[in-house]
PDB file of N, CA and C in Angstrom:
ATOM      1  N   UNK A   1       1.937  -1.656 -36.774  1.00  0.00           N
ATOM      2  CA  UNK A   1       1.331  -2.804 -36.367  1.00  0.00           C
ATOM      3  C   UNK A   1       0.254  -3.001 -36.959  1.00  0.00           C
ATOM      4  N   UNK A   2      -0.072  -4.370 -36.651  1.00  0.00           N
ATOM      5  CA  UNK A   2      -1.438  -4.773 -37.544  1.00  0.00           C
ATOM      6  C   UNK A   2      -2.410  -4.736 -36.518  1.00  0.00           C
ATOM      7  N   UNK A   3      -4.060  -4.107 -37.339  1.00  0.00           N
ATOM      8  CA  UNK A   3      -4.712  -3.418 -36.715  1.00  0.00           C
ATOM      9  C   UNK A   3      -5.786  -5.077 -35.333  1.00  0.00           C
ATOM     10  N   UNK A   4      -5.073  -5.932 -35.556  1.00  0.00           N
ATOM     11  CA  UNK A   4      -5.608  -6.768 -34.071  1.00  0.00           C
ATOM     12  C   UNK A   4      -4.907  -6.169 -33.232  1.00  0.00           C
ATOM     13  N   UNK A   5      -4.002  -6.321 -33.442  1.00  0.00           N
ATOM     14  CA  UNK A   5      -2.732  -6.058 -32.186  1.00  0.00           C
ATOM     15  C   UNK A   5      -3.639  -4.381 -31.119  1.00  0.00           C
ATOM     16  N   UNK A   6      -4.006  -3.809 -32.093  1.00  0.00           N
ATOM     17  CA  UNK A   6      -4.576  -2.122 -31.964  1.00  0.00           C
ATOM     18  C   UNK A   6      -5.513  -2.261 -31.006  1.00  0.00           C
ATOM     19  N   UNK A   7      -6.568  -3.134 -32.186  1.00  0.00           N
ATOM     20  CA  UNK A   7      -7.685  -3.331 -31.068  1.00  0.00           C
ATOM     21  C   UNK A   7      -7.375  -4.034 -30.312  1.00  0.00           C
ATOM     22  N   UNK A   8      -6.671  -4.940 -29.339  1.00  0.00           N
ATOM     23  CA  UNK A   8      -6.168  -5.321 -28.223  1.00  0.00           C
ATOM     24  C   UNK A   8      -5.972  -4.722 -27.223  1.00  0.00           C
ATOM     25  N   UNK A   9      -5.314  -3.633 -27.477  1.00  0.00           N
ATOM     26  CA  UNK A   9      -4.666  -2.355 -26.761  1.00  0.00           C
ATOM     27  C   UNK A   9      -5.810  -1.670 -26.421  1.00  0.00           C
ATOM     28  N   UNK A  10      -6.488  -1.660 -27.262  1.00  0.00           N
ATOM     29  CA  UNK A  10      -7.695  -0.674 -26.466  1.00  0.00           C
ATOM     30  C   UNK A  10      -8.945  -0.949 -26.307  1.00  0.00           C
ATOM     31  N   UNK A  11      -8.744  -2.085 -25.866  1.00  0.00           N
ATOM     32  CA  UNK A  11     -10.015  -2.675 -25.048  1.00  0.00           C
ATOM     33  C   UNK A  11      -9.906  -2.424 -23.824  1.00  0.00           C
ATOM     34  N   UNK A  12     -10.884  -1.859 -23.194  1.00  0.00           N
ATOM     35  CA  UNK A  12     -10.575  -1.663 -21.266  1.00  0.00           C
ATOM     36  C   UNK A  12     -10.295  -2.798 -20.738  1.00  0.00           C
ATOM     37  N   UNK A  13      -9.894  -2.854 -19.306  1.00  0.00           N
ATOM     38  CA  UNK A  13     -10.024  -3.833 -18.850  1.00  0.00           C
ATOM     39  C   UNK A  13     -10.756  -3.978 -17.717  1.00  0.00           C
ATOM     40  N   UNK A  14     -11.760  -4.621 -17.848  1.00  0.00           N
ATOM     41  CA  UNK A  14     -12.825  -5.197 -16.526  1.00  0.00           C
ATOM     42  C   UNK A  14     -12.211  -4.788 -15.291  1.00  0.00           C
ATOM     43  N   UNK A  15     -13.421  -3.944 -14.496  1.00  0.00           N
ATOM     44  CA  UNK A  15     -13.705  -3.313 -13.021  1.00  0.00           C
ATOM     45  C   UNK A  15     -13.418  -4.229 -12.232  1.00  0.00           C
ATOM     46  N   UNK A  16     -13.958  -5.227 -12.183  1.00  0.00           N
ATOM     47  CA  UNK A  16     -13.745  -6.606 -11.378  1.00  0.00           C
ATOM     48  C   UNK A  16     -11.930  -7.018 -11.499  1.00  0.00           C
ATOM     49  N   UNK A  17     -11.367  -6.588 -12.714  1.00  0.00           N
ATOM     50  CA  UNK A  17      -9.584  -6.950 -11.989  1.00  0.00           C
ATOM     51  C   UNK A  17      -8.978  -6.357 -11.733  1.00  0.00           C
ATOM     52  N   UNK A  18      -9.493  -5.246 -11.794  1.00  0.00           N
ATOM     53  CA  UNK A  18      -8.796  -3.932 -10.616  1.00  0.00           C
ATOM     54  C   UNK A  18      -8.976  -4.101  -9.317  1.00  0.00           C
ATOM     55  N   UNK A  19     -10.467  -4.088  -8.726  1.00  0.00           N
ATOM     56  CA  UNK A  19     -10.749  -4.557  -7.609  1.00  0.00           C
ATOM     57  C   UNK A  19     -10.173  -6.416  -7.317  1.00  0.00           C
ATOM     58  N   UNK A  20     -10.055  -7.463  -7.849  1.00  0.00           N
ATOM     59  CA  UNK A  20     -10.087  -8.470  -6.976  1.00  0.00           C
ATOM     60  C   UNK A  20      -8.119  -8.248  -7.411  1.00  0.00           C
ATOM     61  N   UNK A  21      -7.383  -7.291  -8.046  1.00  0.00           N
ATOM     62  CA  UNK A  21      -6.136  -7.327  -7.693  1.00  0.00           C
ATOM     63  C   UNK A  21      -5.365  -6.820  -6.429  1.00  0.00           C
ATOM     64  N   UNK A  22      -6.612  -5.409  -6.148  1.00  0.00           N
ATOM     65  CA  UNK A  22      -7.004  -4.551  -5.114  1.00  0.00           C
ATOM     66  C   UNK A  22      -6.907  -5.291  -4.363  1.00  0.00           C
ATOM     67  N   UNK A  23      -7.461  -6.159  -3.852  1.00  0.00           N
ATOM     68  CA  UNK A  23      -7.692  -7.307  -3.260  1.00  0.00           C
ATOM     69  C   UNK A  23      -7.099  -8.054  -2.629  1.00  0.00           C
ATOM     70  N   UNK A  24      -6.279  -8.871  -3.671  1.00  0.00           N
ATOM     71  CA  UNK A  24      -4.898  -9.749  -3.047  1.00  0.00           C
ATOM     72  C   UNK A  24      -3.872  -8.893  -2.710  1.00  0.00           C
ATOM     73  N   UNK A  25      -3.359  -7.231  -3.395  1.00  0.00           N
ATOM     74  CA  UNK A  25      -2.714  -6.577  -3.114  1.00  0.00           C
ATOM     75  C   UNK A  25      -3.097  -6.042  -1.068  1.00  0.00           C
ATOM     76  N   UNK A  26      -4.385  -6.091  -1.337  1.00  0.00           N
ATOM     77  CA  UNK A  26      -4.281  -5.919   0.150  1.00  0.00           C
ATOM     78  C   UNK A  26      -4.525  -7.313   1.369  1.00  0.00           C
ATOM     79  N   UNK A  27      -5.073  -8.031   0.943  1.00  0.00           N
ATOM     80  CA  UNK A  27      -4.995  -9.196   1.702  1.00  0.00           C
ATOM     81  C   UNK A  27      -3.188  -9.664   2.009  1.00  0.00           C
ATOM     82  N   UNK A  28      -2.480  -9.580   1.091  1.00  0.00           N
ATOM     83  CA  UNK A  28      -1.139  -9.781   1.203  1.00  0.00           C
ATOM     84  C   UNK A  28      -0.216  -9.314   1.688  1.00  0.00           C
ATOM     85  N   UNK A  29      -1.610  -7.406   1.964  1.00  0.00           N
ATOM     86  CA  UNK A  29      -0.715  -6.583   3.378  1.00  0.00           C
ATOM     87  C   UNK A  29      -1.635  -7.192   4.670  1.00  0.00           C
ATOM     88  N   UNK A  30      -1.906  -7.536   5.250  1.00  0.00           N
ATOM     89  CA  UNK A  30      -2.546  -7.848   6.419  1.00  0.00           C
ATOM     90  C   UNK A  30      -1.463  -9.598   6.939  1.00  0.00           C
ATOM     91  N   UNK A  31      -1.389 -10.578   5.657  1.00  0.00           N
ATOM     92  CA  UNK A  31      -0.841 -11.233   5.907  1.00  0.00           C
ATOM     93  C   UNK A  31       0.913 -11.011   6.338  1.00  0.00           C
ATOM     94  N   UNK A  32       1.708 -10.071   6.010  1.00  0.00           N
ATOM     95  CA  UNK A  32       2.435  -9.680   5.732  1.00  0.00           C
ATOM     96  C   UNK A  32       2.649  -8.828   7.095  1.00  0.00           C
ATOM     97  N   UNK A  33       1.781  -8.173   7.737  1.00  0.00           N
ATOM     98  CA  UNK A  33       1.389  -7.440   8.981  1.00  0.00           C
ATOM     99  C   UNK A  33       1.241  -8.827   9.899  1.00  0.00           C
ATOM    100  N   UNK A  34      -0.002  -9.372   9.844  1.00  0.00           N
ATOM    101  CA  UNK A  34      -0.285 -10.463  11.081  1.00  0.00           C
ATOM    102  C   UNK A  34       1.797 -11.483  11.071  1.00  0.00           C
ATOM    103  N   UNK A  35       1.873 -11.902   9.922  1.00  0.00           N
ATOM    104  CA  UNK A  35       3.023 -12.755  10.319  1.00  0.00           C
ATOM    105  C   UNK A  35       4.900 -12.123  10.553  1.00  0.00           C
ATOM    106  N   UNK A  36       4.954 -11.584   9.441  1.00  0.00           N
ATOM    107  CA  UNK A  36       6.021 -11.058   9.773  1.00  0.00           C
ATOM    108  C   UNK A  36       6.827 -10.015  11.052  1.00  0.00           C
ATOM    109  N   UNK A  37       7.714 -11.063  11.545  1.00  0.00           N
ATOM    110  CA  UNK A  37       8.102 -10.346  12.882  1.00  0.00           C
ATOM    111  C   UNK A  37       9.610  -8.885  12.715  1.00  0.00           C
ATOM    112  N   UNK A  38       9.433  -8.767  11.526  1.00  0.00           N
ATOM    113  CA  UNK A  38      10.410  -7.437  11.227  1.00  0.00           C
ATOM    114  C   UNK A  38       9.758  -6.186  10.969  1.00  0.00           C
ATOM    115  N   UNK A  39      10.468  -5.146  11.879  1.00  0.00           N
ATOM    116  CA  UNK A  39       8.982  -3.995  12.234  1.00  0.00           C
ATOM    117  C   UNK A  39       9.720  -3.310  10.746  1.00  0.00           C
ATOM    118  N   UNK A  40      10.536  -3.945   9.489  1.00  0.00           N
ATOM    119  CA  UNK A  40      10.461  -3.210   7.914  1.00  0.00           C
ATOM    120  C   UNK A  40       9.053  -3.587   7.852  1.00  0.00           C
ATOM    121  N   UNK A  41       9.402  -4.961   7.333  1.00  0.00           N
ATOM    122  CA  UNK A  41       8.640  -5.688   6.402  1.00  0.00           C
ATOM    123  C   UNK A  41       7.563  -5.649   7.226  1.00  0.00           C
ATOM    124  N   UNK A  42       6.786  -4.953   8.288  1.00  0.00           N
ATOM    125  CA  UNK A  42       5.225  -4.710   8.634  1.00  0.00           C
ATOM    126  C   UNK A  42       4.796  -3.233   8.368  1.00  0.00           C
ATOM    127  N   UNK A  43       5.929  -2.481   8.623  1.00  0.00           N
ATOM    128  CA  UNK A  43       5.730  -1.485   8.048  1.00  0.00           C
ATOM    129  C   UNK A  43       5.282  -1.422   6.520  1.00  0.00           C
ATOM    130  N   UNK A  44       5.870  -2.086   5.718  1.00  0.00           N
ATOM    131  CA  UNK A  44       5.613  -2.312   4.163  1.00  0.00           C
ATOM    132  C   UNK A  44       4.662  -3.187   4.288  1.00  0.00           C
ATOM    133  N   UNK A  45       3.889  -3.972   4.728  1.00  0.00           N
ATOM    134  CA  UNK A  45       2.603  -4.037   4.673  1.00  0.00           C
ATOM    135  C   UNK A  45       2.388  -3.300   4.725  1.00  0.00           C
ATOM    136  N   UNK A  46       2.313  -2.110   5.539  1.00  0.00           N
ATOM    137  CA  UNK A  46       1.060  -0.915   5.795  1.00  0.00           C
ATOM    138  C   UNK A  46       0.889  -0.456   4.721  1.00  0.00           C
ATOM    139  N   UNK A  47       2.234  -0.213   4.161  1.00  0.00           N
ATOM    140  CA  UNK A  47       2.310   0.691   2.658  1.00  0.00           C
ATOM    141  C   UNK A  47       1.177   0.258   1.592  1.00  0.00           C
ATOM    142  N   UNK A  48       1.777  -1.361   1.476  1.00  0.00           N
ATOM    143  CA  UNK A  48       1.303  -2.134   0.804  1.00  0.00           C
ATOM    144  C   UNK A  48      -0.887  -2.154   0.747  1.00  0.00           C
ATOM    145  N   UNK A  49      -0.937  -2.072   1.915  1.00  0.00           N
ATOM    146  CA  UNK A  49      -2.436  -2.049   2.158  1.00  0.00           C
ATOM    147  C   UNK A  49      -2.631  -0.521   1.745  1.00  0.00           C
ATOM    148  N   UNK A  50      -2.436   0.178   2.338  1.00  0.00           N
ATOM    149  CA  UNK A  50      -2.695   1.422   1.498  1.00  0.00           C
ATOM    150  C   UNK A  50      -2.752   1.885   0.397  1.00  0.00           C
ATOM    151  N   UNK A  51      -1.685   0.869  -0.343  1.00  0.00           N
ATOM    152  CA  UNK A  51      -1.847   1.700  -2.131  1.00  0.00           C
ATOM    153  C   UNK A  51      -2.731   0.690  -2.360  1.00  0.00           C
ATOM    154  N   UNK A  52      -2.882  -0.376  -2.598  1.00  0.00           N
ATOM    155  CA  UNK A  52      -4.245  -1.321  -2.462  1.00  0.00           C
ATOM    156  C   UNK A  52      -5.817  -0.562  -2.283  1.00  0.00           C
ATOM    157  N   UNK A  53      -6.153   0.294  -1.503  1.00  0.00           N
ATOM    158  CA  UNK A  53      -6.732   0.771  -1.267  1.00  0.00           C
ATOM    159  C   UNK A  53      -7.062   2.243  -2.268  1.00  0.00           C
ATOM    160  N   UNK A  54      -6.060   2.484  -2.396  1.00  0.00           N
ATOM    161  CA  UNK A  54      -5.851   4.022  -3.607  1.00  0.00           C
ATOM    162  C   UNK A  54      -5.778   3.440  -4.847  1.00  0.00           C
ATOM    163  N   UNK A  55      -5.714   2.019  -5.025  1.00  0.00           N
ATOM    164  CA  UNK A  55      -6.113   1.733  -6.675  1.00  0.00           C
ATOM    165  C   UNK A  55      -7.481   1.274  -6.639  1.00  0.00           C
ATOM    166  N   UNK A  56      -8.091   0.833  -5.423  1.00  0.00           N
ATOM    167  CA  UNK A  56      -9.653   0.633  -5.824  1.00  0.00           C
ATOM    168  C   UNK A  56     -10.070   1.909  -5.505  1.00  0.00           C
ATOM    169  N   UNK A  57     -10.204   3.163  -5.207  1.00  0.00           N
ATOM    170  CA  UNK A  57     -10.102   4.511  -5.273  1.00  0.00           C
ATOM    171  C   UNK A  57     -10.219   4.862  -6.706  1.00  0.00           C
ATOM    172  N   UNK A  58      -9.146   5.000  -7.526  1.00  0.00           N
ATOM    173  CA  UNK A  58      -9.148   4.921  -8.624  1.00  0.00           C
ATOM    174  C   UNK A  58      -9.445   4.169  -9.621  1.00  0.00           C
ATOM    175  N   UNK A  59      -9.356   2.980  -8.997  1.00  0.00           N
ATOM    176  CA  UNK A  59     -10.420   2.358 -10.181  1.00  0.00           C
ATOM    177  C   UNK A  59     -12.165   2.673 -10.357  1.00  0.00           C
ATOM    178  N   UNK A  60     -12.744   3.143  -9.275  1.00  0.00           N
ATOM    179  CA  UNK A  60     -14.104   3.618  -8.978  1.00  0.00           C
ATOM    180  C   UNK A  60     -13.994   4.950  -9.300  1.00  0.00           C
ATOM    181  N   UNK A  61     -13.106   6.130  -8.893  1.00  0.00           N
ATOM    182  CA  UNK A  61     -13.615   7.506 -10.260  1.00  0.00           C
ATOM    183  C   UNK A  61     -13.329   7.563 -11.370  1.00  0.00           C
ATOM    184  N   UNK A  62     -12.423   6.197 -12.363  1.00  0.00           N
ATOM    185  CA  UNK A  62     -12.175   6.244 -13.455  1.00  0.00           C
ATOM    186  C   UNK A  62     -13.661   5.639 -14.174  1.00  0.00           C
ATOM    187  N   UNK A  63     -14.523   4.775 -13.065  1.00  0.00           N
ATOM    188  CA  UNK A  63     -15.651   3.815 -13.783  1.00  0.00           C
ATOM    189  C   UNK A  63     -16.796   5.183 -13.647  1.00  0.00           C
ATOM    190  N   UNK A  64     -16.562   5.756 -12.566  1.00  0.00           N
ATOM    191  CA  UNK A  64     -17.680   6.630 -12.554  1.00  0.00           C
ATOM    192  C   UNK A  64     -17.520   8.292 -13.101  1.00  0.00           C
ATOM    193  N   UNK A  65     -16.001   8.241 -13.464  1.00  0.00           N
ATOM    194  CA  UNK A  65     -16.247   9.701 -14.318  1.00  0.00           C
ATOM    195  C   UNK A  65     -15.694  10.428 -13.187  1.00  0.00           C
ATOM    196  N   UNK A  66     -15.390  10.969 -12.140  1.00  0.00           N
ATOM    197  CA  UNK A  66     -14.988  11.651 -11.090  1.00  0.00           C
ATOM    198  C   UNK A  66     -14.096  11.672 -11.003  1.00  0.00           C
ATOM    199  N   UNK A  67     -13.811  12.690 -10.654  1.00  0.00           N
ATOM    200  CA  UNK A  67     -12.546  13.301 -10.101  1.00  0.00           C
ATOM    201  C   UNK A  67     -12.439  13.141  -8.193  1.00  0.00           C
ATOM    202  N   UNK A  68     -13.464  13.646  -7.964  1.00  0.00           N
ATOM    203  CA  UNK A  68     -13.381  13.235  -6.175  1.00  0.00           C
ATOM    204  C   UNK A  68     -12.439  12.058  -6.000  1.00  0.00           C
ATOM    205  N   UNK A  69     -12.334  11.081  -6.109  1.00  0.00           N
ATOM    206  CA  UNK A  69     -11.578   9.415  -6.221  1.00  0.00           C
ATOM    207  C   UNK A  69      -9.967  10.033  -6.203  1.00  0.00           C
ATOM    208  N   UNK A  70      -9.906  10.149  -7.535  1.00  0.00           N
ATOM    209  CA  UNK A  70      -8.580  10.447  -7.542  1.00  0.00           C
ATOM    210  C   UNK A  70      -7.613  11.424  -6.544  1.00  0.00           C
ATOM    211  N   UNK A  71      -8.886  12.817  -6.429  1.00  0.00           N
ATOM    212  CA  UNK A  71      -7.765  14.160  -5.409  1.00  0.00           C
ATOM    213  C   UNK A  71      -7.946  13.279  -4.191  1.00  0.00           C
ATOM    214  N   UNK A  72      -9.039  12.236  -3.514  1.00  0.00           N
ATOM    215  CA  UNK A  72      -8.599  11.440  -1.907  1.00  0.00           C
ATOM    216  C   UNK A  72      -7.233  10.837  -2.693  1.00  0.00           C
ATOM    217  N   UNK A  73      -7.194   9.766  -3.030  1.00  0.00           N
ATOM    218  CA  UNK A  73      -5.968   8.825  -3.737  1.00  0.00           C
ATOM    219  C   UNK A  73      -4.647   9.804  -3.107  1.00  0.00           C
ATOM    220  N   UNK A  74      -4.600  11.353  -3.533  1.00  0.00           N
ATOM    221  CA  UNK A  74      -3.732  11.962  -3.878  1.00  0.00           C
ATOM    222  C   UNK A  74      -3.212  13.118  -2.119  1.00  0.00           C
ATOM    223  N   UNK A  75      -4.262  13.294  -0.981  1.00  0.00           N
ATOM    224  CA  UNK A  75      -4.109  13.531   0.088  1.00  0.00           C
ATOM    225  C   UNK A  75      -3.931  11.753   0.682  1.00  0.00           C
ATOM    226  N   UNK A  76      -4.362  10.629   0.208  1.00  0.00           N
ATOM    227  CA  UNK A  76      -3.608   9.374   1.274  1.00  0.00           C
ATOM    228  C   UNK A  76      -2.357   9.970   0.860  1.00  0.00           C
ATOM    229  N   UNK A  77      -2.055   9.513  -0.508  1.00  0.00           N
ATOM    230  CA  UNK A  77      -0.141   9.666  -0.455  1.00  0.00           C
ATOM    231  C   UNK A  77       0.650  10.410  -0.196  1.00  0.00           C
ATOM    232  N   UNK A  78      -0.503  11.808   0.199  1.00  0.00           N
ATOM    233  CA  UNK A  78       0.619  12.595   1.392  1.00  0.00           C
ATOM    234  C   UNK A  78       0.427  12.493   2.550  1.00  0.00           C
ATOM    235  N   UNK A  79      -0.473  11.794   3.227  1.00  0.00           N
ATOM    236  CA  UNK A  79       0.152  10.894   4.408  1.00  0.00           C
ATOM    237  C   UNK A  79       0.551  10.139   4.215  1.00  0.00           C
ATOM    238  N   UNK A  80       0.139   9.341   3.487  1.00  0.00           N
ATOM    239  CA  UNK A  80       1.816   7.686   3.498  1.00  0.00           C
ATOM    240  C   UNK A  80       3.141   8.681   3.369  1.00  0.00           C
ATOM    241  N   UNK A  81       3.138   9.548   2.733  1.00  0.00           N
ATOM    242  CA  UNK A  81       4.464   9.994   2.786  1.00  0.00           C
ATOM    243  C   UNK A  81       4.780  10.806   4.362  1.00  0.00           C
ATOM    244  N   UNK A  82       4.498  11.301   4.430  1.00  0.00           N
ATOM    245  CA  UNK A  82       4.485  11.705   6.182  1.00  0.00           C
ATOM    246  C   UNK A  82       4.064  10.915   6.867  1.00  0.00           C
ATOM    247  N   UNK A  83       3.741   9.878   7.093  1.00  0.00           N
ATOM    248  CA  UNK A  83       3.972   8.167   7.196  1.00  0.00           C
ATOM    249  C   UNK A  83       5.137   7.472   7.396  1.00  0.00           C
ATOM    250  N   UNK A  84       5.339   7.715   6.294  1.00  0.00           N
ATOM    251  CA  UNK A  84       6.389   7.228   5.934  1.00  0.00           C
ATOM    252  C   UNK A  84       8.133   7.636   6.797  1.00  0.00           C
ATOM    253  N   UNK A  85       8.031   8.557   6.464  1.00  0.00           N
ATOM    254  CA  UNK A  85       9.053   9.471   6.954  1.00  0.00           C
ATOM    255  C   UNK A  85       9.554  10.155   8.342  1.00  0.00           C
ATOM    256  N   UNK A  86       8.227   9.786   9.419  1.00  0.00           N
ATOM    257  CA  UNK A  86       7.946   9.818  10.468  1.00  0.00           C
ATOM    258  C   UNK A  86       7.933   8.139  11.327  1.00  0.00           C
ATOM    259  N   UNK A  87       7.263   7.292  10.589  1.00  0.00           N
ATOM    260  CA  UNK A  87       7.843   5.650  10.491  1.00  0.00           C
ATOM    261  C   UNK A  87       9.442   5.118  10.923  1.00  0.00           C
ATOM    262  N   UNK A  88      10.416   5.712   9.466  1.00  0.00           N
ATOM    263  CA  UNK A  88      11.083   5.198   9.385  1.00  0.00           C
ATOM    264  C   UNK A  88      12.157   6.053  10.717  1.00  0.00           C
ATOM    265  N   UNK A  89      11.841   7.553  11.091  1.00  0.00           N
ATOM    266  CA  UNK A  89      12.445   7.609  11.857  1.00  0.00           C
ATOM    267  C   UNK A  89      12.300   6.856  13.156  1.00  0.00           C
ATOM    268  N   UNK A  90      11.024   6.885  13.111  1.00  0.00           N
ATOM    269  CA  UNK A  90      10.413   5.970  14.473  1.00  0.00           C
ATOM    270  C   UNK A  90      11.260   4.296  14.586  1.00  0.00           C
ATOM    271  N   UNK A  91      11.270   3.965  13.295  1.00  0.00           N
ATOM    272  CA  UNK A  91      11.947   2.721  12.889  1.00  0.00           C
ATOM    273  C   UNK A  91      13.988   2.817  13.780  1.00  0.00           C
ATOM    274  N   UNK A  92      14.236   3.627  12.869  1.00  0.00           N
ATOM    275  CA  UNK A  92      15.748   3.976  13.220  1.00  0.00           C
ATOM    276  C   UNK A  92      16.110   4.116  15.017  1.00  0.00           C
ATOM    277  N   UNK A  93      15.524   4.495  15.062  1.00  0.00           N
ATOM    278  CA  UNK A  93      15.347   5.035  16.763  1.00  0.00           C
ATOM    279  C   UNK A  93      15.296   4.061  17.352  1.00  0.00           C
ATOM    280  N   UNK A  94      14.538   3.333  17.817  1.00  0.00           N
ATOM    281  CA  UNK A  94      14.334   1.269  17.550  1.00  0.00           C
ATOM    282  C   UNK A  94      15.008   1.153  17.532  1.00  0.00           C
ATOM    283  N   UNK A  95      15.801   0.569  16.685  1.00  0.00           N
ATOM    284  CA  UNK A  95      16.791   0.016  16.322  1.00  0.00           C
ATOM    285  C   UNK A  95      18.158   0.759  16.748  1.00  0.00           C
ATOM    286  N   UNK A  96      18.225   2.419  17.115  1.00  0.00           N
ATOM    287  CA  UNK A  96      19.321   2.355  17.871  1.00  0.00           C
ATOM    288  C   UNK A  96      19.563   2.559  19.440  1.00  0.00           C
ATOM    289  N   UNK A  97      17.992   2.166  19.438  1.00  0.00           N
ATOM    290  CA  UNK A  97      18.168   1.729  21.845  1.00  0.00           C
ATOM    291  C   UNK A  97      18.172   0.515  21.695  1.00  0.00           C
ATOM    292  N   UNK A  98      18.115   0.268  20.636  1.00  0.00           N
ATOM    293  CA  UNK A  98      17.585  -2.079  20.827  1.00  0.00           C
ATOM    294  C   UNK A  98      18.629  -2.696  20.458  1.00  0.00           C
ATOM    295  N   UNK A  99      19.068  -2.213  18.686  1.00  0.00           N
ATOM    296  CA  UNK A  99      19.788  -3.252  17.952  1.00  0.00           C
ATOM    297  C   UNK A  99      19.464  -4.096  17.680  1.00  0.00           C
ATOM    298  N   UNK A 100      18.452  -4.598  17.201  1.00  0.00           N
ATOM    299  CA  UNK A 100      16.939  -5.472  16.372  1.00  0.00           C
ATOM    300  C   UNK A 100      15.952  -4.661  16.223  1.00  0.00           C
ATOM    301  N   UNK A 101      15.158  -5.590  15.139  1.00  0.00           N
ATOM    302  CA  UNK A 101      14.413  -4.866  14.404  1.00  0.00           C
ATOM    303  C   UNK A 101      13.287  -5.640  14.963  1.00  0.00           C
ATOM    304  N   UNK A 102      13.350  -6.790  15.691  1.00  0.00           N
ATOM    305  CA  UNK A 102      12.449  -8.175  15.615  1.00  0.00           C
ATOM    306  C   UNK A 102      11.131  -7.381  16.817  1.00  0.00           C
ATOM    307  N   UNK A 103       9.793  -7.129  15.995  1.00  0.00           N
ATOM    308  CA  UNK A 103       8.726  -6.818  16.738  1.00  0.00           C
ATOM    309  C   UNK A 103       9.330  -8.070  17.876  1.00  0.00           C
ATOM    310  N   UNK A 104       9.246  -9.116  18.576  1.00  0.00           N
ATOM    311  CA  UNK A 104       8.802 -10.012  19.154  1.00  0.00           C
ATOM    312  C   UNK A 104       9.650  -8.885  20.545  1.00  0.00           C
ATOM    313  N   UNK A 105      10.831  -8.606  20.484  1.00  0.00           N
ATOM    314  CA  UNK A 105      12.180  -8.167  21.151  1.00  0.00           C
ATOM    315  C   UNK A 105      11.659  -7.148  21.610  1.00  0.00           C
ATOM    316  N   UNK A 106      11.378  -6.497  20.930  1.00  0.00           N
ATOM    317  CA  UNK A 106      10.911  -5.001  21.044  1.00  0.00           C
ATOM    318  C   UNK A 106       9.792  -4.356  22.476  1.00  0.00           C
ATOM    319  N   UNK A 107      10.584  -3.727  23.187  1.00  0.00           N
ATOM    320  CA  UNK A 107       9.879  -3.582  24.536  1.00  0.00           C
ATOM    321  C   UNK A 107       9.511  -1.784  24.516  1.00  0.00           C
ATOM    322  N   UNK A 108       8.960  -0.722  24.205  1.00  0.00           N
ATOM    323  CA  UNK A 108       9.514   0.384  24.176  1.00  0.00           C
ATOM    324  C   UNK A 108       8.569   1.015  25.314  1.00  0.00           C
ATOM    325  N   UNK A 109       8.354   0.341  26.116  1.00  0.00           N
ATOM    326  CA  UNK A 109       8.168   1.037  27.803  1.00  0.00           C
ATOM    327  C   UNK A 109       9.474   1.398  28.303  1.00  0.00           C
ATOM    328  N   UNK A 110      10.413  -0.138  27.913  1.00  0.00           N
ATOM    329  CA  UNK A 110      11.203   0.195  28.934  1.00  0.00           C
ATOM    330  C   UNK A 110      12.628   0.121  28.039  1.00  0.00           C
ATOM    331  N   UNK A 111      13.793   1.608  28.240  1.00  0.00           N
ATOM    332  CA  UNK A 111      14.804   1.364  27.493  1.00  0.00           C
ATOM    333  C   UNK A 111      15.956   1.395  28.497  1.00  0.00           C
TER     334      UNK A 111
END
């Protein structure tokens, strides 16, 4: 490898790029949550928002050389995994009862 390429790889990516990516991911999650009508798509949008927040936590933890942010991300990921398991179970139960995943056509108070 040439030394110029190695120097390019060793340069740090600015903090603002990570935060911009996190903001874009969070915004896409909000748009997906508000616009989409499929329950699975809404669920994936919520997961995208959680991951955008995790990216911000890891970014600031790296910037401040603190492990607390990464530990917090670990706990958020555990909660997200539990939420995914319970959420998918609820989605399957709703689909079996209603035969649809359209958010507009689901009325959970009536079976």
